Structure formats: C-alpha cells, structure tokens
C-alpha cells in the first residue's frame, strides 16, 4: 500500500492570527480555526512587475516582495491529522490568501 499526497489549489482569502513576534498562530478557513502545530517556514519571492506594469506613486515602499508562509496545521486544539497550508500576501495588500492545502 502506497501513501498518496493530495493537494488542492485555492487562492482564497483567510484570516491569520499572529504572535507578537510575527509568527502565525492560527488560520481561519472555511469557518473553522486551524492551529499551527509545527515550526512555520517563511520566505519571500519577487513579483513580476515588468509583466504587470503596475505603477505606484514614488515613496510608497516595497511593491515587489510577495510574502509566503508554509504552515503545518490541525483543526483547533484537536489531535486531527496535520495538513499543510501555504499562504501568500501580495505587495501592498493586507489580505492573506490560502494558496494550497496538502494532506500529509
């Protein structure tokens, strides 16, 4: 018997609660709260500004860094199976998007 990994691509808005230090604690998705159950992974990528040709006023700040988090989460404080959420926040946005869910 072989274990399979299931991945779903979403790009849906979610609410994320953070610690005072800036690490994610929980994600509210589809009416449920998923608690972070392992050390999260954090990185940045660059927006293809030359393709979107997005213009912004001078002095607005960073408009090219896309922020990402990969989180191992569980439903609430249960012992449910862990899932992997990948989150993304685009430059100049306060809204987090749930990019993918992977069942581990």
Protein backbone atom coordinates (compact mmCIF):
# COMPACT_ATOMS: atom_id res chain seq x y z
CA UNK A 1 0.00 0.00 0.00
CA UNK A 2 1.37 3.41 -1.00
CA UNK A 3 0.54 6.66 0.76
CA UNK A 4 -0.62 9.44 -1.51
CA UNK A 5 -0.44 13.17 -1.01
CA UNK A 6 -3.46 15.22 -2.02
CA UNK A 7 -3.01 18.88 -2.93
CA UNK A 8 -5.74 21.44 -3.58
CA UNK A 9 -5.05 24.85 -5.17
CA UNK A 10 -7.37 27.55 -3.84
CA UNK A 11 -6.23 31.20 -3.72
CA UNK A 12 -8.97 32.13 -1.22
CA UNK A 13 -8.84 34.90 1.41
CA UNK A 14 -8.22 33.76 5.00
CA UNK A 15 -7.76 35.39 8.40
CA UNK A 16 -4.42 34.75 10.11
CA UNK A 17 -3.64 35.36 13.79
CA UNK A 18 0.00 36.14 14.62
CA UNK A 19 2.15 36.18 17.76
CA UNK A 20 3.64 39.47 18.96
CA UNK A 21 6.88 38.35 17.26
CA UNK A 22 5.10 37.97 13.91
CA UNK A 23 4.78 34.16 13.62
CA UNK A 24 1.40 32.67 12.63
CA UNK A 25 -0.65 31.06 15.44
CA UNK A 26 -3.85 30.09 13.63
CA UNK A 27 -5.70 30.36 10.32
CA UNK A 28 -9.47 30.77 9.93
CA UNK A 29 -10.53 28.98 6.77
CA UNK A 30 -14.00 27.83 5.70
CA UNK A 31 -15.48 28.78 9.08
CA UNK A 32 -13.01 26.70 11.09
CA UNK A 33 -9.88 27.59 13.05
CA UNK A 34 -6.71 25.67 12.17
CA UNK A 35 -3.97 25.90 14.82
CA UNK A 36 -0.31 25.97 13.78
CA UNK A 37 1.17 22.69 15.05
CA UNK A 38 4.83 22.90 13.95
CA UNK A 39 7.53 25.48 13.27
CA UNK A 40 6.37 27.56 10.25
CA UNK A 41 8.53 28.24 7.20
CA UNK A 42 8.71 31.86 5.99
CA UNK A 43 10.11 33.25 2.72
CA UNK A 44 9.71 35.97 0.09
CA UNK A 45 9.52 35.89 -3.71
CA UNK A 46 9.52 38.75 -6.20
CA UNK A 47 6.53 39.97 -8.19
CA UNK A 48 6.95 40.10 -11.97
CA UNK A 49 6.45 43.86 -12.02
CA UNK A 50 7.70 44.07 -15.60
CA UNK A 51 4.79 41.87 -16.71
CA UNK A 52 2.01 43.57 -14.72
CA UNK A 53 3.37 47.07 -15.35
CA UNK A 54 1.81 48.14 -12.06
CA UNK A 55 2.54 51.77 -11.32
CA UNK A 56 2.57 53.31 -7.87
CA UNK A 57 3.42 56.77 -6.55
CA UNK A 58 7.02 57.49 -5.59
CA UNK A 59 7.77 56.69 -1.94
CA UNK A 60 5.03 54.05 -1.49
CA UNK A 61 7.56 51.45 -0.38
CA UNK A 62 8.17 47.84 -1.30
CA UNK A 63 5.86 46.82 -4.15
CA UNK A 64 7.63 43.68 -5.38
CA UNK A 65 8.11 41.35 -2.39
CA UNK A 66 5.45 38.62 -2.07
CA UNK A 67 5.38 37.13 1.44
CA UNK A 68 4.82 33.36 1.93
CA UNK A 69 4.26 31.05 4.90
CA UNK A 70 4.13 27.23 4.88
CA UNK A 71 2.26 26.01 7.96
CA UNK A 72 1.59 22.58 9.44
CA UNK A 73 -1.88 22.93 10.96
CA UNK A 74 -4.52 20.94 12.85
CA UNK A 75 -8.19 21.64 13.43
CA UNK A 76 -8.44 23.64 16.64
CA UNK A 77 -6.64 22.03 19.55
CA UNK A 78 -7.57 18.51 18.42
CA UNK A 79 -5.35 15.61 17.55
CA UNK A 80 -6.66 15.58 13.97
CA UNK A 81 -4.31 14.79 11.10
CA UNK A 82 -1.97 17.58 10.13
CA UNK A 83 -2.38 19.45 6.87
CA UNK A 84 -0.03 21.86 5.14
CA UNK A 85 -1.30 25.34 4.30
CA UNK A 86 0.67 27.64 2.01
CA UNK A 87 -0.23 31.28 2.46
CA UNK A 88 0.65 34.28 0.30
CA UNK A 89 0.33 38.03 0.73
CA UNK A 90 0.88 40.25 -2.27
CA UNK A 91 2.68 43.60 -2.08
CA UNK A 92 0.50 46.49 -0.87
CA UNK A 93 -2.16 44.06 0.41
CA UNK A 94 -3.17 43.29 3.97
CA UNK A 95 -5.17 40.21 2.87
CA UNK A 96 -3.65 36.73 3.20
CA UNK A 97 -4.55 34.15 0.55
CA UNK A 98 -4.61 30.40 1.17
CA UNK A 99 -2.76 29.25 -1.93
CA UNK A 100 -2.73 25.47 -1.41
CA UNK A 101 -3.69 22.76 1.07
CA UNK A 102 -1.79 19.50 1.15
CA UNK A 103 -2.97 16.47 3.11
CA UNK A 104 0.08 14.83 4.68
